[in-house]
Protein backbone atom coordinates (compact mmCIF):
# COMPACT_ATOMS: atom_id res chain seq x y z
CA MET A 1 3.63 -7.28 -29.08
CA SER A 2 1.66 -7.17 -25.84
CA VAL A 3 -0.68 -10.07 -25.10
CA ARG A 4 -3.83 -9.78 -23.04
CA GLU A 5 -5.75 -13.01 -22.78
CA LEU A 6 -7.34 -15.45 -20.39
CA VAL A 7 -6.03 -19.01 -20.43
CA VAL A 8 -8.62 -21.36 -18.92
CA LEU A 9 -6.93 -24.25 -17.12
CA GLY A 10 -9.98 -25.83 -15.48
CA THR A 11 -13.73 -25.26 -15.27
CA ALA A 12 -15.23 -27.84 -12.89
CA SER A 13 -16.90 -27.07 -9.58
CA GLN A 14 -16.39 -29.18 -6.44
CA VAL A 15 -15.16 -32.31 -8.23
CA PRO A 16 -13.33 -32.74 -11.56
CA THR A 17 -14.89 -34.75 -14.37
CA ARG A 18 -13.48 -36.65 -17.32
CA HIS A 19 -13.63 -33.49 -19.39
CA ARG A 20 -13.18 -30.74 -16.80
CA ASN A 21 -10.28 -30.17 -14.43
CA HIS A 22 -10.65 -28.30 -11.16
CA ASN A 23 -10.50 -24.51 -11.43
CA GLY A 24 -7.49 -22.61 -12.71
CA TYR A 25 -7.28 -19.41 -14.76
CA LEU A 26 -4.25 -17.47 -15.99
CA LEU A 27 -4.62 -13.86 -17.07
CA ARG A 28 -1.80 -12.74 -19.35
CA TRP A 29 -1.55 -8.97 -19.12
CA ASP A 30 1.29 -7.74 -21.31
CA GLY A 31 4.42 -9.03 -19.57
CA GLU A 32 2.69 -10.27 -16.40
CA GLY A 33 0.77 -13.40 -15.50
CA ILE A 34 -1.87 -13.58 -12.76
CA LEU A 35 -3.00 -17.06 -11.72
CA PHE A 36 -6.47 -17.26 -10.22
CA ASP A 37 -7.81 -20.10 -8.04
CA PRO A 38 -5.39 -22.96 -8.74
CA GLY A 39 -7.37 -26.10 -7.96
CA GLU A 40 -6.06 -29.64 -7.92
CA GLY A 41 -4.23 -30.55 -11.13
CA THR A 42 -3.38 -26.96 -12.08
CA GLN A 43 0.33 -27.72 -12.53
CA ARG A 44 -0.42 -30.34 -15.19
CA GLN A 45 -2.99 -28.11 -16.89
CA MET A 46 -0.35 -25.38 -17.08
CA LEU A 47 1.91 -27.82 -18.92
CA ARG A 48 -0.87 -28.71 -21.37
CA ALA A 49 -1.62 -25.03 -21.97
CA GLY A 50 2.00 -24.01 -22.45
CA VAL A 51 2.09 -21.95 -19.27
CA ALA A 52 5.38 -21.97 -17.34
CA ALA A 53 6.07 -21.14 -13.72
CA HIS A 54 8.19 -18.25 -15.01
CA ASP A 55 5.00 -16.73 -16.46
CA LEU A 56 3.54 -16.11 -13.00
CA ASN A 57 3.79 -12.82 -11.14
CA ARG A 58 0.74 -13.03 -8.87
CA ILE A 59 -1.52 -15.72 -7.47
CA CYS A 60 -5.04 -14.69 -6.44
CA VAL A 61 -7.18 -17.10 -4.42
CA THR A 62 -10.84 -16.19 -3.94
CA HIS A 63 -11.45 -18.60 -1.03
CA PHE A 64 -10.20 -21.80 0.54
CA HIS A 65 -12.49 -24.49 -0.79
CA GLY A 66 -10.43 -27.28 -2.31
CA ASP A 67 -11.52 -26.86 -5.91
CA HIS A 68 -10.07 -23.33 -5.79
CA SER A 69 -6.89 -23.88 -3.80
CA LEU A 70 -5.62 -27.47 -3.59
CA GLY A 71 -3.30 -26.83 -6.53
CA LEU A 72 -1.39 -24.20 -4.56
CA ALA A 73 1.02 -26.75 -3.10
CA GLY A 74 2.14 -28.04 -6.49
CA VAL A 75 2.28 -24.63 -8.13
CA ILE A 76 4.35 -23.11 -5.31
CA GLN A 77 6.77 -26.02 -5.33
CA ARG A 78 7.08 -25.80 -9.11
CA ILE A 79 7.88 -22.09 -8.83
CA ASN A 80 10.74 -23.01 -6.50
CA LEU A 81 11.90 -26.02 -8.52
CA ASP A 82 12.17 -23.84 -11.62
CA GLN A 83 13.87 -21.08 -9.60
CA VAL A 84 11.68 -18.31 -10.95
CA PRO A 85 13.95 -15.23 -10.86
CA HIS A 86 11.35 -12.64 -9.91
CA GLU A 87 9.18 -12.05 -6.86
CA ILE A 88 5.69 -13.55 -6.85
CA THR A 89 2.88 -12.13 -4.72
CA ALA A 90 0.02 -14.23 -3.35
CA HIS A 91 -3.36 -12.70 -2.43
CA TYR A 92 -5.97 -14.68 -0.48
CA PRO A 93 -8.48 -14.11 2.35
CA ARG A 94 -6.65 -13.40 5.59
CA SER A 95 -9.10 -15.65 7.44
CA GLY A 96 -7.61 -18.57 5.51
CA GLN A 97 -4.01 -17.87 6.52
CA ARG A 98 -3.68 -21.28 8.16
CA PHE A 99 -4.84 -23.00 4.99
CA PHE A 100 -2.39 -21.05 2.86
CA GLU A 101 0.48 -21.95 5.17
CA ARG A 102 -0.49 -25.63 5.19
CA LEU A 103 -0.58 -25.69 1.39
CA ARG A 104 2.63 -23.70 1.02
CA TYR A 105 4.47 -26.11 3.30
CA ALA A 106 2.50 -29.28 2.57
CA THR A 107 5.70 -31.29 1.95
CA ALA A 108 9.45 -30.82 2.13
CA TYR A 109 11.14 -28.80 -0.62
CA ARG A 110 13.82 -26.17 -1.00
CA GLU A 111 12.57 -22.59 -1.08
CA THR A 112 14.43 -20.59 -3.69
CA VAL A 113 11.89 -17.93 -4.69
CA ALA A 114 10.65 -14.80 -2.93
CA LEU A 115 6.94 -15.48 -2.46
CA THR A 116 5.29 -12.48 -0.83
CA GLU A 117 2.13 -13.14 1.16
CA ALA A 118 -0.38 -10.29 0.83
CA PRO A 119 -3.64 -11.46 2.44
CA VAL A 120 -6.94 -9.65 1.88
CA ASP A 121 -9.27 -8.63 4.69
CA THR A 122 -11.22 -5.68 3.29
CA ASP A 123 -12.51 -4.17 0.06
CA GLY A 124 -10.10 -1.98 -1.83
CA ALA A 125 -6.84 -1.76 -3.73
CA LEU A 126 -4.28 -4.55 -3.36
CA ALA A 127 -1.67 -3.42 -5.83
CA LEU A 128 -0.94 -0.36 -7.93
CA THR A 129 1.42 -0.76 -10.87
CA PRO A 130 2.01 1.34 -14.00
CA ALA A 131 0.00 -1.23 -15.97
CA TYR A 132 -3.00 -1.75 -13.67
CA THR A 133 -4.66 -1.44 -10.30
CA LEU A 134 -5.75 -4.69 -8.64
CA ASP A 135 -8.77 -4.45 -6.34
CA ALA A 136 -10.71 -6.93 -4.22
CA ARG A 137 -14.37 -7.00 -3.20
CA ARG A 138 -16.05 -9.22 -0.63
CA LEU A 139 -18.47 -11.82 -2.00
CA SER A 140 -21.23 -13.90 -0.37
CA HIS A 141 -20.30 -17.55 0.20
CA PRO A 142 -20.38 -19.91 3.20
CA VAL A 143 -16.65 -19.20 3.73
CA GLU A 144 -15.00 -15.80 3.30
CA SER A 145 -14.51 -15.12 -0.38
CA TYR A 146 -13.22 -12.20 -2.45
CA GLY A 147 -13.45 -11.36 -6.13
CA TYR A 148 -10.72 -9.51 -8.00
CA ARG A 149 -10.77 -6.67 -10.51
CA LEU A 150 -7.94 -5.36 -12.67
CA THR A 151 -8.21 -1.83 -14.08
CA GLU A 152 -5.82 -0.26 -16.57
CA PRO A 153 -5.26 3.51 -16.16
CA ASP A 154 -6.97 5.67 -18.76
CA GLY A 155 -4.70 7.02 -21.48
CA ARG A 156 -4.96 9.47 -24.37
CA ARG A 157 -5.66 8.80 -28.03
CA MET A 158 -4.16 11.37 -30.38
CA LEU A 159 -6.51 12.58 -33.16
CA PRO A 160 -4.66 12.99 -36.50
CA ASP A 161 -7.21 15.38 -38.01
CA ARG A 162 -7.05 17.73 -35.01
CA LEU A 163 -3.26 17.56 -34.92
CA ALA A 164 -3.14 18.44 -38.63
CA ALA A 165 -5.60 21.31 -38.16
CA HIS A 166 -3.22 22.86 -35.63
CA GLY A 167 -0.09 22.08 -37.64
CA ILE A 168 1.28 19.72 -35.00
CA LYS A 169 3.41 16.94 -36.46
CA GLY A 170 6.62 14.99 -35.97
CA PRO A 171 8.40 15.46 -32.63
CA ASP A 172 5.82 18.08 -31.61
CA VAL A 173 3.22 15.34 -31.16
CA GLY A 174 5.33 13.87 -28.40
CA ARG A 175 5.88 17.31 -26.87
CA VAL A 176 2.18 18.10 -26.56
CA GLN A 177 1.65 14.68 -24.99
CA ARG A 178 4.41 15.24 -22.43
CA GLU A 179 3.82 18.89 -21.65
CA GLY A 180 0.02 19.09 -21.89
CA SER A 181 0.00 21.95 -24.38
CA LEU A 182 2.00 23.37 -27.27
CA ASN A 183 1.97 26.94 -28.58
CA GLY A 184 -1.31 27.57 -26.79
CA VAL A 185 -2.96 24.35 -28.04
CA PRO A 186 -4.06 22.19 -25.08
CA LEU A 187 -3.73 18.43 -25.18
CA ASP A 188 -7.50 18.05 -24.86
CA GLU A 189 -7.92 19.88 -28.16
CA VAL A 190 -5.96 17.28 -30.16
CA SER A 191 -6.72 14.07 -28.26
CA GLU A 192 -9.40 12.18 -26.39
CA VAL A 193 -9.50 9.88 -23.40
CA ARG A 194 -8.62 6.26 -24.20
CA ARG A 195 -10.46 4.22 -21.62
CA GLY A 196 -8.33 1.66 -19.83
CA GLN A 197 -9.32 -2.00 -20.11
CA ARG A 198 -11.02 -3.74 -17.21
CA PHE A 199 -11.11 -7.37 -16.14
CA ALA A 200 -12.93 -9.04 -13.25
CA PHE A 201 -12.85 -12.51 -11.72
CA VAL A 202 -15.93 -13.55 -9.72
CA MET A 203 -16.11 -17.01 -8.24
CA ASP A 204 -18.27 -18.74 -5.63
CA THR A 205 -20.92 -16.27 -4.50
CA ARG A 206 -24.58 -15.45 -4.27
CA LEU A 207 -25.80 -12.22 -5.81
CA CYS A 208 -24.44 -9.36 -3.70
CA GLU A 209 -23.15 -5.82 -3.98
CA GLY A 210 -19.60 -7.05 -4.55
CA VAL A 211 -20.59 -8.98 -7.68
CA HIS A 212 -22.09 -5.90 -9.32
CA ALA A 213 -19.19 -3.65 -8.31
CA LEU A 214 -16.62 -6.04 -9.76
CA ALA A 215 -18.51 -6.48 -13.04
CA GLU A 216 -19.27 -2.80 -13.72
CA GLY A 217 -17.99 -1.75 -17.14
CA CYS A 218 -15.74 -4.76 -17.64
CA ASP A 219 -14.25 -5.62 -20.99
CA LEU A 220 -13.86 -9.24 -19.84
CA LEU A 221 -15.79 -10.79 -16.95
CA VAL A 222 -15.05 -14.33 -15.74
CA ILE A 223 -17.90 -15.41 -13.50
CA GLU A 224 -19.15 -18.63 -11.99
CA SER A 225 -22.44 -20.12 -13.19
CA THR A 226 -22.46 -23.33 -11.20
CA PHE A 227 -26.18 -24.01 -11.70
CA LEU A 228 -28.85 -23.64 -14.34
CA ASP A 229 -31.80 -21.38 -13.61
CA GLU A 230 -34.18 -24.16 -12.62
CA ASP A 231 -31.90 -24.83 -9.65
CA GLU A 232 -31.77 -21.23 -8.41
CA THR A 233 -32.90 -22.15 -4.90
CA LEU A 234 -30.11 -24.72 -4.68
CA ALA A 235 -27.64 -22.13 -5.95
CA THR A 236 -28.64 -19.59 -3.32
CA ASP A 237 -28.55 -22.16 -0.53
CA HIS A 238 -24.98 -23.14 -1.43
CA GLY A 239 -23.70 -19.63 -2.20
CA HIS A 240 -23.58 -19.82 -5.99
CA LEU A 241 -24.97 -18.23 -9.15
CA THR A 242 -27.03 -19.56 -12.03
CA ALA A 243 -26.33 -18.93 -15.71
CA GLY A 244 -29.22 -16.47 -15.91
CA GLN A 245 -28.12 -14.57 -12.81
CA ALA A 246 -24.55 -14.25 -14.09
CA ALA A 247 -25.78 -13.08 -17.48
CA ARG A 248 -28.08 -10.44 -15.98
CA VAL A 249 -25.17 -9.11 -13.93
CA ALA A 250 -23.11 -8.83 -17.12
CA ARG A 251 -25.99 -7.27 -19.05
CA ASP A 252 -26.67 -4.61 -16.43
CA ALA A 253 -22.94 -3.87 -15.98
CA GLY A 254 -22.30 -3.35 -19.70
CA VAL A 255 -19.80 -6.22 -19.92
CA ARG A 256 -18.36 -6.66 -23.40
CA HIS A 257 -17.25 -10.31 -23.15
CA LEU A 258 -18.75 -12.72 -20.62
CA VAL A 259 -17.02 -15.98 -19.68
CA LEU A 260 -19.19 -18.48 -17.80
CA THR A 261 -17.40 -21.21 -15.86
CA HIS A 262 -17.35 -23.39 -12.69
CA PHE A 263 -20.03 -25.83 -13.79
CA SER A 264 -21.68 -28.45 -11.63
CA GLN A 265 -21.10 -32.03 -12.75
CA ARG A 266 -24.87 -32.58 -12.66
CA TYR A 267 -25.26 -31.00 -16.12
CA SER A 268 -24.29 -32.79 -19.32
CA ASP A 269 -25.14 -30.13 -21.91
CA PRO A 270 -22.87 -27.05 -21.67
CA GLU A 271 -24.84 -25.34 -24.45
CA GLU A 272 -27.77 -24.92 -22.04
CA PHE A 273 -25.69 -22.39 -20.08
CA GLU A 274 -25.38 -20.29 -23.23
CA ARG A 275 -29.08 -20.61 -24.01
CA GLN A 276 -30.06 -19.45 -20.55
CA ALA A 277 -27.56 -16.58 -20.62
CA ARG A 278 -29.00 -15.34 -23.90
CA ALA A 279 -32.53 -15.76 -22.61
CA ALA A 280 -31.57 -13.53 -19.69
CA GLY A 281 -30.84 -10.73 -22.14
CA TYR A 282 -27.07 -10.72 -22.43
CA ALA A 283 -26.18 -9.74 -26.01
CA GLY A 284 -22.40 -9.29 -25.89
CA GLU A 285 -19.65 -11.77 -26.65
CA LEU A 286 -20.18 -14.96 -24.69
CA THR A 287 -17.91 -17.91 -23.95
CA VAL A 288 -19.00 -21.03 -22.11
CA ALA A 289 -15.55 -21.99 -20.91
CA ARG A 290 -13.90 -25.31 -21.66
CA ASP A 291 -10.57 -26.47 -20.33
CA LEU A 292 -7.60 -24.99 -22.23
CA THR A 293 -9.76 -22.33 -23.89
CA ARG A 294 -7.98 -19.04 -24.66
CA VAL A 295 -10.07 -15.90 -24.53
CA PRO A 296 -8.55 -12.60 -25.72
CA VAL A 297 -9.35 -9.42 -23.85
CA PRO A 298 -11.51 -7.37 -26.26
CA LYS A 299 -9.72 -4.63 -28.16
CA ARG A 300 -10.17 -1.13 -26.86
CA ARG A 301 -13.26 0.69 -27.99
């Protein structure tokens, strides 16, 4: 059975706390695993969450602040220690190439795995696979930062009542799917579009066009809400979002499940993030992320 879920490895911003590790998020998408923003301690959090190096197929880094990237060194060395048998691709801002190289070769180890470097320097598609398209959009932060969006291709949902009305059954159902029509009956007559699922990952940023583009129509949106609304000026000055801002983005984009994360250590009550998100008008599913939380991608509509 295919699994589509987000495994939250860490949720702290800037510095870890007793209850929150630095950032780290694994998206399980059927047989693939995409690791986003591995901050310090990610390797140990993977162990606690039951995530193995063999589960990784891509690593996506939004930007090169330490809480989003210092775990790269350990994760890359673990990939090699465990001799992961498949290629792994790393995406990150091209302007941070020197940081990626320093982290990749921070200490001596034996390279055994094909790690493909695929830096990002513009908006657009990064990868096209049968299961999804991976896109990047520029965000607004003091250092160059990109958000990521995964989009599943649309499919078709066969309609049993329409099939029966046209006498199409058994092997003929497969034929009409493959050939587009059968005995003069077009595929559109006995099926409907099944919208592909959409996921977006938005970290350190002010409100900008890229945030809205990434969030549009998402089934699952992971987005930073470093500050509460009363500190909006501070958020803007430092290139971050508040809980209310993140929730309004999700509301306006029609997001089905919103995951708030990347919380400043200045706040002691995580429930206030939920209260402010609801006050901003977001009515969908809402998760205020905690370390080791698992969030399933919502089922198709």
